[in-house]
Amino acid sequence: MASETTAAHGAAGAEHAAEGSSLVFHPMDQFIVKPLFGGDTIAWYTPTNVTLWLFFAVLAIIGLLVLSTSKRAIVPTRMQSIAELAYGFIYKMLEDICGKEGVKFFPYVMTLFMFIVTANFLGLIPTSFTTTSHFAVTIPLALAVFLTVTVLGFVKNGAGFLSLFWVSSAPLALRPILAIIELISYFVRPVSHSIRLAGNVMAGHAVIKVFAGFAAIAAISPVSVLAITAMYGLEVLVAFIQAYVFTILTCVYLKDALHPHH
């Protein structure tokens, strides 16, 4: 009987120790995909929190680019001004990098930028879900760019597109080695393109969550609140920069397809 009591106390002590050593907050829980209508099983057709916030992103884009510009006022509203600034910003970027020939791809590039930047900013709303923190969202975007550029390169240039991998300005002995490096770097593009976006967005949100967990400790809560405010301001900047980086790399890749010669 005494041994059973000792064992019970030991088990209770171990349980309390485990509880004391475990994290009170879990920074990565905010990225868990959950069904909207309950249940534990997620199939390809199950509406989830990702589906909901992707839908909100589409609605926000329609509201900004379609509804706010429908009246085409001479003196634009704030929303119309934002839409016009975004339009001009992406158009100029595409024209500067790809030339007039690349302007035909403006609808695609503009759609990419607006979707990513809108999803990033929606993810900054408290209790929202950041869709661009998931590879299931960023990998299809990167693969779409990769396939578009590859198909366009061969359709426009034929076998001449392969000159992208042949560095004619390099010494002849180094060209085969450089061609292999260029080929590898080309196929790594969708990997780096997708990981850069998801990784940066996920890391920032996780850090904010960690600081939020420390805010419950009275002794360091003022410092924690200041850190959260600073990180949130940084994340606003990152939300735009990551959309910009994804878009400008897309323009550079399109330029390679349109003008593949080194």
Protein backbone atom coordinates (compact mmCIF):
# COMPACT_ATOMS: atom_id res chain seq x y z
CA MET A 1 0.00 0.00 0.00
CA ALA A 2 2.84 2.37 0.91
CA SER A 3 4.61 1.55 -2.35
CA GLU A 4 1.42 2.28 -4.32
CA THR A 5 1.07 5.64 -2.56
CA THR A 6 4.71 6.49 -3.29
CA ALA A 7 4.26 5.52 -6.93
CA ALA A 8 1.12 7.67 -7.17
CA HIS A 9 2.95 10.66 -5.70
CA GLY A 10 5.86 10.06 -8.07
CA ALA A 11 3.53 9.94 -11.08
CA ALA A 12 1.81 13.14 -9.94
CA GLY A 13 5.17 14.85 -9.47
CA ALA A 14 6.32 13.78 -12.91
CA GLU A 15 3.07 15.08 -14.41
CA HIS A 16 3.50 18.47 -12.71
CA ALA A 17 7.12 18.63 -13.88
CA ALA A 18 6.06 17.88 -17.44
CA GLU A 19 3.42 20.59 -17.24
CA GLY A 20 5.94 23.06 -15.84
CA SER A 21 8.44 22.34 -18.61
CA SER A 22 5.92 22.54 -21.47
CA LEU A 23 5.25 25.72 -23.40
CA VAL A 24 2.20 27.67 -22.30
CA PHE A 25 1.97 29.14 -25.79
CA HIS A 26 2.57 27.38 -29.09
CA PRO A 27 3.73 29.82 -31.81
CA MET A 28 3.14 27.37 -34.66
CA ASP A 29 -0.48 26.58 -33.75
CA GLN A 30 -1.61 29.62 -35.72
CA PHE A 31 -0.59 27.83 -38.95
CA ILE A 32 -2.72 24.72 -38.37
CA VAL A 33 -5.23 24.05 -41.13
CA LYS A 34 -8.68 23.37 -39.65
CA PRO A 35 -12.03 22.43 -41.23
CA LEU A 36 -14.53 25.28 -41.14
CA PHE A 37 -17.45 23.13 -40.08
CA GLY A 38 -15.83 20.85 -37.51
CA GLY A 39 -14.44 17.36 -37.79
CA ASP A 40 -10.88 16.10 -37.93
CA THR A 41 -10.67 14.76 -41.48
CA ILE A 42 -9.56 17.13 -44.24
CA ALA A 43 -10.14 15.98 -47.82
CA TRP A 44 -9.29 17.91 -51.00
CA TYR A 45 -12.85 19.30 -51.10
CA THR A 46 -13.13 20.22 -47.39
CA PRO A 47 -13.62 23.96 -46.75
CA THR A 48 -10.92 25.07 -44.29
CA ASN A 49 -9.66 28.28 -42.70
CA VAL A 50 -7.27 28.51 -45.66
CA THR A 51 -10.20 28.40 -48.08
CA LEU A 52 -12.00 31.12 -46.12
CA TRP A 53 -9.07 33.55 -46.09
CA LEU A 54 -8.23 32.88 -49.74
CA PHE A 55 -11.84 33.82 -50.48
CA PHE A 56 -11.48 37.00 -48.42
CA ALA A 57 -8.32 37.87 -50.37
CA VAL A 58 -10.19 37.53 -53.67
CA LEU A 59 -13.06 39.66 -52.35
CA ALA A 60 -10.63 42.34 -51.17
CA ILE A 61 -8.92 42.44 -54.58
CA ILE A 62 -12.27 42.73 -56.38
CA GLY A 63 -13.31 45.50 -54.02
CA LEU A 64 -10.06 47.41 -54.53
CA LEU A 65 -9.51 47.00 -58.27
CA VAL A 66 -13.07 46.68 -59.60
CA LEU A 67 -15.58 48.33 -57.29
CA SER A 68 -13.41 51.27 -56.20
CA THR A 69 -12.53 52.16 -59.80
CA SER A 70 -15.95 51.56 -61.37
CA LYS A 71 -16.94 55.26 -61.22
CA ARG A 72 -13.56 56.42 -62.59
CA ALA A 73 -13.81 59.72 -60.77
CA ILE A 74 -11.61 62.59 -61.99
CA VAL A 75 -10.81 63.30 -58.35
CA PRO A 76 -10.10 59.74 -57.16
CA THR A 77 -11.15 58.36 -53.80
CA ARG A 78 -8.51 56.89 -51.49
CA MET A 79 -9.27 53.36 -52.66
CA GLN A 80 -9.14 54.38 -56.31
CA SER A 81 -5.81 56.13 -55.68
CA ILE A 82 -4.38 52.94 -54.14
CA ALA A 83 -5.61 50.90 -57.12
CA GLU A 84 -4.08 53.35 -59.60
CA LEU A 85 -0.78 53.43 -57.71
CA ALA A 86 -0.61 49.63 -57.71
CA TYR A 87 -1.44 49.53 -61.44
CA GLY A 88 1.24 52.09 -62.32
CA PHE A 89 3.82 50.52 -60.01
CA ILE A 90 3.56 47.02 -61.54
CA TYR A 91 3.24 48.30 -65.12
CA LYS A 92 6.42 50.37 -64.77
CA MET A 93 8.29 47.47 -63.14
CA LEU A 94 7.32 45.07 -65.93
CA GLU A 95 8.12 47.55 -68.69
CA ASP A 96 11.51 48.47 -67.19
CA ILE A 97 12.62 44.84 -66.81
CA CYS A 98 11.05 43.11 -69.82
CA GLY A 99 10.54 45.99 -72.23
CA LYS A 100 7.43 46.68 -74.28
CA GLU A 101 7.28 43.03 -75.25
CA GLY A 102 6.64 42.05 -71.65
CA VAL A 103 3.67 44.37 -71.17
CA LYS A 104 1.36 41.70 -72.62
CA PHE A 105 1.93 39.71 -69.41
CA PHE A 106 0.83 42.60 -67.22
CA PRO A 107 -2.55 41.03 -66.21
CA TYR A 108 -0.77 37.91 -64.94
CA VAL A 109 1.95 39.77 -63.06
CA MET A 110 -0.52 42.27 -61.60
CA THR A 111 -2.75 39.42 -60.42
CA LEU A 112 0.20 37.72 -58.72
CA PHE A 113 1.27 40.88 -56.92
CA MET A 114 -2.21 41.86 -55.77
CA PHE A 115 -3.01 38.36 -54.52
CA ILE A 116 0.21 38.00 -52.52
CA VAL A 117 0.22 41.50 -51.03
CA THR A 118 -3.48 41.28 -50.13
CA ALA A 119 -3.11 37.82 -48.53
CA ASN A 120 -0.06 39.06 -46.61
CA PHE A 121 -1.87 42.11 -45.22
CA LEU A 122 -5.00 40.11 -44.36
CA GLY A 123 -2.74 37.77 -42.38
CA LEU A 124 -1.77 40.70 -40.14
CA ILE A 125 -5.32 41.02 -38.83
CA PRO A 126 -5.53 39.48 -35.32
CA THR A 127 -7.10 35.98 -35.28
CA SER A 128 -6.87 35.77 -39.09
CA PHE A 129 -5.06 33.06 -41.05
CA THR A 130 -1.98 33.83 -43.14
CA THR A 131 -2.45 31.78 -46.30
CA THR A 132 0.94 32.73 -47.78
CA SER A 133 2.70 31.06 -44.84
CA HIS A 134 1.80 27.66 -46.33
CA PHE A 135 3.76 25.92 -49.07
CA ALA A 136 0.44 24.57 -50.37
CA VAL A 137 -0.24 28.14 -51.52
CA THR A 138 3.24 29.42 -52.44
CA ILE A 139 4.46 26.33 -54.31
CA PRO A 140 1.60 26.39 -56.89
CA LEU A 141 2.26 30.12 -57.42
CA ALA A 142 5.98 29.48 -57.99
CA LEU A 143 5.34 26.44 -60.21
CA ALA A 144 2.88 28.45 -62.31
CA VAL A 145 5.58 31.08 -62.90
CA PHE A 146 8.20 28.41 -63.66
CA LEU A 147 5.99 26.56 -66.16
CA THR A 148 4.80 29.79 -67.80
CA VAL A 149 8.37 31.00 -68.29
CA THR A 150 9.61 27.63 -69.57
CA VAL A 151 6.77 27.14 -72.06
CA LEU A 152 7.01 30.76 -73.21
CA GLY A 153 10.78 30.44 -73.67
CA PHE A 154 10.51 27.39 -75.93
CA VAL A 155 7.45 28.66 -77.84
CA LYS A 156 9.06 32.03 -78.59
CA ASN A 157 12.68 30.94 -79.11
CA GLY A 158 12.54 27.23 -79.85
CA ALA A 159 15.85 25.50 -79.15
CA GLY A 160 17.39 28.97 -78.87
CA PHE A 161 15.96 29.15 -75.35
CA LEU A 162 18.73 26.76 -74.30
CA SER A 163 21.23 29.57 -74.90
CA LEU A 164 20.07 30.84 -71.49
CA PHE A 165 22.28 28.12 -69.99
CA TRP A 166 25.27 28.68 -72.28
CA VAL A 167 27.43 31.57 -71.06
CA SER A 168 29.09 32.61 -74.31
CA SER A 169 31.10 35.37 -72.65
CA ALA A 170 32.95 32.87 -70.43
CA PRO A 171 36.15 31.02 -71.47
CA LEU A 172 35.35 27.99 -73.61
CA ALA A 173 36.73 25.50 -71.07
CA LEU A 174 34.39 26.82 -68.36
CA ARG A 175 31.22 26.95 -70.45
CA PRO A 176 30.13 23.31 -69.91
CA ILE A 177 30.61 23.64 -66.15
CA LEU A 178 28.74 26.95 -66.07
CA ALA A 179 25.98 25.41 -68.20
CA ILE A 180 25.43 22.68 -65.59
CA ILE A 181 25.37 25.31 -62.80
CA GLU A 182 22.92 27.46 -64.76
CA LEU A 183 20.69 24.45 -65.43
CA ILE A 184 20.61 23.47 -61.76
CA SER A 185 19.91 27.05 -60.67
CA TYR A 186 17.07 27.23 -63.21
CA PHE A 187 15.29 24.19 -61.77
CA VAL A 188 15.85 25.43 -58.22
CA ARG A 189 13.96 28.64 -59.03
CA PRO A 190 10.47 27.43 -58.00
CA VAL A 191 11.90 26.05 -54.74
CA SER A 192 13.58 29.30 -53.70
CA HIS A 193 10.67 31.35 -55.08
CA SER A 194 8.13 29.56 -52.87
CA ILE A 195 10.24 29.02 -49.74
CA ARG A 196 11.35 32.66 -49.58
CA LEU A 197 7.77 33.92 -49.41
CA ALA A 198 6.36 31.30 -47.02
CA GLY A 199 9.43 31.22 -44.79
CA ASN A 200 9.64 34.98 -44.24
CA VAL A 201 5.92 35.33 -43.56
CA MET A 202 5.84 32.33 -41.21
CA ALA A 203 8.93 33.42 -39.27
CA GLY A 204 7.61 36.92 -38.59
CA HIS A 205 4.25 35.70 -37.35
CA ALA A 206 5.88 33.08 -35.13
CA VAL A 207 8.15 35.69 -33.52
CA ILE A 208 5.16 37.95 -32.78
CA LYS A 209 3.39 35.00 -31.15
CA VAL A 210 6.43 34.27 -28.97
CA PHE A 211 6.57 37.88 -27.77
CA ALA A 212 2.81 37.76 -27.12
CA GLY A 213 3.33 34.72 -24.88
CA PHE A 214 5.85 36.63 -22.75
CA ALA A 215 3.39 39.54 -22.39
CA ALA A 216 1.57 37.48 -19.74
CA ILE A 217 4.59 37.80 -17.43
CA ALA A 218 4.08 41.05 -15.51
CA ALA A 219 7.79 41.74 -14.99
CA ILE A 220 8.60 41.86 -18.70
CA SER A 221 5.20 42.65 -20.21
CA PRO A 222 6.10 46.31 -21.10
CA VAL A 223 9.18 45.13 -23.00
CA SER A 224 7.15 42.38 -24.65
CA VAL A 225 4.45 44.83 -25.79
CA LEU A 226 7.12 47.13 -27.27
CA ALA A 227 8.68 44.15 -29.04
CA ILE A 228 5.29 43.10 -30.44
CA THR A 229 4.66 46.65 -31.71
CA ALA A 230 8.09 46.80 -33.36
CA MET A 231 7.71 43.36 -34.94
CA TYR A 232 4.22 44.19 -36.18
CA GLY A 233 5.56 47.32 -37.87
CA LEU A 234 8.33 45.22 -39.42
CA GLU A 235 5.79 42.63 -40.60
CA VAL A 236 3.77 45.36 -42.37
CA LEU A 237 6.95 46.18 -44.28
CA VAL A 238 7.73 42.50 -44.91
CA ALA A 239 4.18 41.91 -46.22
CA PHE A 240 4.82 44.41 -49.02
CA ILE A 241 8.50 43.55 -49.61
CA GLN A 242 7.83 39.83 -50.04
CA ALA A 243 5.08 40.52 -52.58
CA TYR A 244 7.45 42.91 -54.35
CA VAL A 245 10.32 40.38 -54.38
CA PHE A 246 8.09 37.59 -55.70
CA THR A 247 6.80 39.89 -58.44
CA ILE A 248 10.14 41.36 -59.50
CA LEU A 249 11.65 37.86 -59.72
CA THR A 250 8.72 36.86 -61.91
CA CYS A 251 9.53 39.81 -64.19
CA VAL A 252 13.21 38.78 -64.32
CA TYR A 253 12.25 35.22 -65.22
CA LEU A 254 9.92 36.50 -67.95
CA LYS A 255 12.80 38.57 -69.31
CA ASP A 256 14.90 35.40 -69.51
CA ALA A 257 12.17 33.74 -71.55
CA LEU A 258 11.76 36.73 -73.89
CA HIS A 259 15.50 37.42 -74.25
CA PRO A 260 17.42 34.26 -73.30
CA HIS A 261 20.81 35.14 -74.80
CA HIS A 262 23.63 35.91 -72.36
